[in-house]
Amino acid sequence: MSGQDDKAMIRRYYEEVFNQRRVELVDDLAVDDYVEHDPFPGQGDGRDDLKARVRTILEAFDPLRFRIEDMIAEGDRVVVRWSQTGTHTGDFLGAPPTGREFTSTGIDIHRVADGRMAEHWHVVDLYGLLTQLGLIPAPSETPA
């Protein structure tokens, strides 16, 4: 597989699995023994746990829309800088729905093996997300 093929496959993950809410496509996109390096509480490794992770996100945020800002392929890695918008309409990791809209950003690194997602690492602006949802207080805006 070329870097372009790997990028096309990863693009499907964001555009089809998340944006089109087609969780079943994870079966085609990820290896059986997929490894998540930043799991949700209780999430293990493997493709079934990846599908559970995706379902958790989609059940918590509807609508949810990912936008790929940058994508870089090098060797067996694909790096994606993304933004997302959505509305918190369902429970998310123990937090009840707030009905608030949000915009968040992140960077994902995917390792690809035989044309499928094999490992994942990421950095997400979780502080910004939780602040927008009203789940943690925003910093004071009073001058020092």
C-alpha atoms as a PDB file:
ATOM      1  CA  MET A   1       0.000   0.000   0.000  1.00  0.00           C
ATOM      2  CA  SER A   2       1.201   3.515  -0.746  1.00  0.00           C
ATOM      3  CA  GLY A   3       0.958   6.542   1.500  1.00  0.00           C
ATOM      4  CA  GLN A   4      -1.871   7.788  -0.714  1.00  0.00           C
ATOM      5  CA  ASP A   5      -3.778   4.509  -0.241  1.00  0.00           C
ATOM      6  CA  ASP A   6      -3.240   4.688   3.520  1.00  0.00           C
ATOM      7  CA  LYS A   7      -4.487   8.284   3.590  1.00  0.00           C
ATOM      8  CA  ALA A   8      -7.593   7.345   1.582  1.00  0.00           C
ATOM      9  CA  MET A   9      -8.368   4.528   4.032  1.00  0.00           C
ATOM     10  CA  ILE A  10      -7.918   6.806   7.066  1.00  0.00           C
ATOM     11  CA  ARG A  11     -10.063   9.484   5.399  1.00  0.00           C
ATOM     12  CA  ARG A  12     -12.877   6.896   5.209  1.00  0.00           C
ATOM     13  CA  TYR A  13     -12.642   6.467   8.991  1.00  0.00           C
ATOM     14  CA  TYR A  14     -13.454  10.128   9.602  1.00  0.00           C
ATOM     15  CA  GLU A  15     -15.800  10.789   6.710  1.00  0.00           C
ATOM     16  CA  GLU A  16     -17.747   7.529   6.561  1.00  0.00           C
ATOM     17  CA  VAL A  17     -17.527   6.001  10.045  1.00  0.00           C
ATOM     18  CA  PHE A  18     -17.981   9.260  11.974  1.00  0.00           C
ATOM     19  CA  ASN A  19     -19.587  11.766   9.616  1.00  0.00           C
ATOM     20  CA  GLN A  20     -21.916   9.231   7.998  1.00  0.00           C
ATOM     21  CA  ARG A  21     -22.289   7.265  11.252  1.00  0.00           C
ATOM     22  CA  ARG A  22     -21.403   3.934   9.598  1.00  0.00           C
ATOM     23  CA  VAL A  23     -19.822   2.056  12.513  1.00  0.00           C
ATOM     24  CA  GLU A  24     -19.978  -1.265  10.630  1.00  0.00           C
ATOM     25  CA  LEU A  25     -17.206  -0.044   8.300  1.00  0.00           C
ATOM     26  CA  VAL A  26     -14.715  -0.419  11.157  1.00  0.00           C
ATOM     27  CA  ASP A  27     -14.739  -4.144  10.307  1.00  0.00           C
ATOM     28  CA  ASP A  28     -13.165  -3.283   6.934  1.00  0.00           C
ATOM     29  CA  LEU A  29     -10.852  -0.535   8.180  1.00  0.00           C
ATOM     30  CA  ALA A  30      -9.202  -1.995  11.313  1.00  0.00           C
ATOM     31  CA  VAL A  31      -7.228  -5.136  12.075  1.00  0.00           C
ATOM     32  CA  ASP A  32      -8.638  -7.649  14.579  1.00  0.00           C
ATOM     33  CA  ASP A  33      -5.931  -6.899  17.148  1.00  0.00           C
ATOM     34  CA  TYR A  34      -6.149  -3.088  16.865  1.00  0.00           C
ATOM     35  CA  VAL A  35      -4.276  -1.264  19.673  1.00  0.00           C
ATOM     36  CA  GLU A  36      -5.629   1.944  21.266  1.00  0.00           C
ATOM     37  CA  HIS A  37      -2.988   3.924  23.175  1.00  0.00           C
ATOM     38  CA  ASP A  38      -5.475   6.372  24.739  1.00  0.00           C
ATOM     39  CA  PRO A  39      -8.467   4.193  25.635  1.00  0.00           C
ATOM     40  CA  PHE A  40     -11.679   5.334  27.244  1.00  0.00           C
ATOM     41  CA  PRO A  41     -12.243   3.921  30.753  1.00  0.00           C
ATOM     42  CA  GLY A  42     -12.971   0.216  30.376  1.00  0.00           C
ATOM     43  CA  GLN A  43     -11.953   0.125  26.711  1.00  0.00           C
ATOM     44  CA  GLY A  44      -9.601  -2.632  25.696  1.00  0.00           C
ATOM     45  CA  ASP A  45      -7.770  -3.318  22.491  1.00  0.00           C
ATOM     46  CA  GLY A  46      -9.203  -5.005  19.435  1.00  0.00           C
ATOM     47  CA  ARG A  47     -11.557  -4.061  16.653  1.00  0.00           C
ATOM     48  CA  ASP A  48     -14.709  -4.689  18.720  1.00  0.00           C
ATOM     49  CA  ASP A  49     -13.514  -2.258  21.381  1.00  0.00           C
ATOM     50  CA  LEU A  50     -12.770   0.301  18.665  1.00  0.00           C
ATOM     51  CA  LYS A  51     -16.351  -0.060  17.424  1.00  0.00           C
ATOM     52  CA  ALA A  52     -17.599   0.401  21.008  1.00  0.00           C
ATOM     53  CA  ARG A  53     -15.471   3.570  21.281  1.00  0.00           C
ATOM     54  CA  VAL A  54     -16.944   4.942  18.050  1.00  0.00           C
ATOM     55  CA  ARG A  55     -20.483   4.129  19.239  1.00  0.00           C
ATOM     56  CA  THR A  56     -19.809   5.913  22.554  1.00  0.00           C
ATOM     57  CA  ILE A  57     -18.768   9.050  20.664  1.00  0.00           C
ATOM     58  CA  LEU A  58     -21.656   8.920  18.189  1.00  0.00           C
ATOM     59  CA  GLU A  59     -24.237   8.298  20.929  1.00  0.00           C
ATOM     60  CA  ALA A  60     -22.915  11.265  22.934  1.00  0.00           C
ATOM     61  CA  PHE A  61     -22.663  13.790  20.108  1.00  0.00           C
ATOM     62  CA  ASP A  62     -25.354  14.227  17.469  1.00  0.00           C
ATOM     63  CA  PRO A  63     -24.774  15.870  15.143  1.00  0.00           C
ATOM     64  CA  LEU A  64     -21.027  15.316  15.005  1.00  0.00           C
ATOM     65  CA  ARG A  65     -18.896  16.412  12.082  1.00  0.00           C
ATOM     66  CA  PHE A  66     -15.161  15.865  11.605  1.00  0.00           C
ATOM     67  CA  ARG A  67     -13.177  18.023   9.222  1.00  0.00           C
ATOM     68  CA  ILE A  68      -9.718  16.915   8.159  1.00  0.00           C
ATOM     69  CA  GLU A  69      -7.432  19.948   8.267  1.00  0.00           C
ATOM     70  CA  ASP A  70      -4.153  18.208   7.372  1.00  0.00           C
ATOM     71  CA  MET A  71      -3.114  14.640   6.604  1.00  0.00           C
ATOM     72  CA  ILE A  72       0.466  13.410   6.325  1.00  0.00           C
ATOM     73  CA  ALA A  73       1.636   9.878   5.488  1.00  0.00           C
ATOM     74  CA  GLU A  74       5.155   8.694   6.262  1.00  0.00           C
ATOM     75  CA  GLY A  75       6.143   5.031   6.308  1.00  0.00           C
ATOM     76  CA  ASP A  76       3.425   3.074   8.108  1.00  0.00           C
ATOM     77  CA  ARG A  77       2.000   6.169   9.867  1.00  0.00           C
ATOM     78  CA  VAL A  78      -0.782   8.574   8.892  1.00  0.00           C
ATOM     79  CA  VAL A  79      -1.098  11.777  10.924  1.00  0.00           C
ATOM     80  CA  VAL A  80      -4.378  13.685  10.861  1.00  0.00           C
ATOM     81  CA  ARG A  81      -4.969  17.181  12.241  1.00  0.00           C
ATOM     82  CA  TRP A  82      -8.718  17.560  12.559  1.00  0.00           C
ATOM     83  CA  SER A  83     -11.453  19.772  13.893  1.00  0.00           C
ATOM     84  CA  GLN A  84     -14.906  18.680  14.907  1.00  0.00           C
ATOM     85  CA  THR A  85     -18.218  20.304  15.680  1.00  0.00           C
ATOM     86  CA  GLY A  86     -21.175  18.763  17.398  1.00  0.00           C
ATOM     87  CA  THR A  87     -23.855  18.896  20.037  1.00  0.00           C
ATOM     88  CA  HIS A  88     -23.714  16.993  23.331  1.00  0.00           C
ATOM     89  CA  THR A  89     -26.975  15.024  23.191  1.00  0.00           C
ATOM     90  CA  GLY A  90     -26.143  11.828  25.095  1.00  0.00           C
ATOM     91  CA  ASP A  91     -24.098  10.554  28.030  1.00  0.00           C
ATOM     92  CA  PHE A  92     -20.362  10.877  27.505  1.00  0.00           C
ATOM     93  CA  LEU A  93     -18.151   8.934  29.894  1.00  0.00           C
ATOM     94  CA  GLY A  94     -20.537   9.534  32.783  1.00  0.00           C
ATOM     95  CA  ALA A  95     -21.416  13.141  31.932  1.00  0.00           C
ATOM     96  CA  PRO A  96     -25.124  13.642  31.184  1.00  0.00           C
ATOM     97  CA  PRO A  97     -26.052  15.510  28.001  1.00  0.00           C
ATOM     98  CA  THR A  98     -25.812  19.288  28.209  1.00  0.00           C
ATOM     99  CA  GLY A  99     -27.366  20.135  24.841  1.00  0.00           C
ATOM    100  CA  ARG A 100     -24.426  22.459  24.200  1.00  0.00           C
ATOM    101  CA  GLU A 101     -22.674  22.837  20.871  1.00  0.00           C
ATOM    102  CA  PHE A 102     -18.899  22.651  20.652  1.00  0.00           C
ATOM    103  CA  THR A 103     -15.907  22.935  18.374  1.00  0.00           C
ATOM    104  CA  SER A 104     -12.812  20.928  19.236  1.00  0.00           C
ATOM    105  CA  THR A 105      -9.482  20.046  17.669  1.00  0.00           C
ATOM    106  CA  GLY A 106      -7.028  17.178  17.789  1.00  0.00           C
ATOM    107  CA  ILE A 107      -4.201  15.318  16.160  1.00  0.00           C
ATOM    108  CA  ASP A 108      -4.321  11.559  15.568  1.00  0.00           C
ATOM    109  CA  ILE A 109      -1.516   9.228  14.599  1.00  0.00           C
ATOM    110  CA  HIS A 110      -2.586   5.964  12.995  1.00  0.00           C
ATOM    111  CA  ARG A 111      -0.256   3.050  12.309  1.00  0.00           C
ATOM    112  CA  VAL A 112      -1.345   1.148   9.234  1.00  0.00           C
ATOM    113  CA  ALA A 113      -0.634  -2.555   8.610  1.00  0.00           C
ATOM    114  CA  ASP A 114      -1.708  -4.315   5.419  1.00  0.00           C
ATOM    115  CA  GLY A 115      -3.967  -1.421   4.468  1.00  0.00           C
ATOM    116  CA  ARG A 116      -5.865  -1.335   7.794  1.00  0.00           C
ATOM    117  CA  MET A 117      -5.691   0.684  10.994  1.00  0.00           C
ATOM    118  CA  ALA A 118      -3.517  -1.177  13.506  1.00  0.00           C
ATOM    119  CA  GLU A 119      -2.667   1.357  16.253  1.00  0.00           C
ATOM    120  CA  HIS A 120      -3.803   4.808  17.334  1.00  0.00           C
ATOM    121  CA  TRP A 121      -2.398   7.644  19.441  1.00  0.00           C
ATOM    122  CA  HIS A 122      -3.923  11.106  19.812  1.00  0.00           C
ATOM    123  CA  VAL A 123      -3.879  14.491  21.450  1.00  0.00           C
ATOM    124  CA  VAL A 124      -7.258  16.220  21.844  1.00  0.00           C
ATOM    125  CA  ASP A 125      -8.162  19.601  23.314  1.00  0.00           C
ATOM    126  CA  LEU A 126     -10.203  17.921  26.030  1.00  0.00           C
ATOM    127  CA  TYR A 127     -10.030  20.988  28.308  1.00  0.00           C
ATOM    128  CA  GLY A 128     -11.585  23.167  25.607  1.00  0.00           C
ATOM    129  CA  LEU A 129     -14.276  20.569  24.903  1.00  0.00           C
ATOM    130  CA  LEU A 130     -15.241  20.115  28.561  1.00  0.00           C
ATOM    131  CA  THR A 131     -15.292  23.883  29.103  1.00  0.00           C
ATOM    132  CA  GLN A 132     -17.576  24.441  26.108  1.00  0.00           C
ATOM    133  CA  LEU A 133     -19.904  21.706  27.354  1.00  0.00           C
ATOM    134  CA  GLY A 134     -20.049  23.378  30.783  1.00  0.00           C
ATOM    135  CA  LEU A 135     -18.668  20.264  32.467  1.00  0.00           C
ATOM    136  CA  ILE A 136     -15.752  22.166  33.992  1.00  0.00           C
ATOM    137  CA  PRO A 137     -15.552  25.871  34.787  1.00  0.00           C
ATOM    138  CA  ALA A 138     -13.981  28.233  32.289  1.00  0.00           C
ATOM    139  CA  PRO A 139     -10.948  30.160  33.496  1.00  0.00           C
ATOM    140  CA  SER A 140     -11.652  33.536  35.036  1.00  0.00           C
ATOM    141  CA  GLU A 141     -11.539  36.396  32.574  1.00  0.00           C
ATOM    142  CA  THR A 142     -10.818  39.065  35.182  1.00  0.00           C
ATOM    143  CA  PRO A 143      -7.496  40.842  34.637  1.00  0.00           C
ATOM    144  CA  ALA A 144      -4.698  40.012  37.048  1.00  0.00           C
END
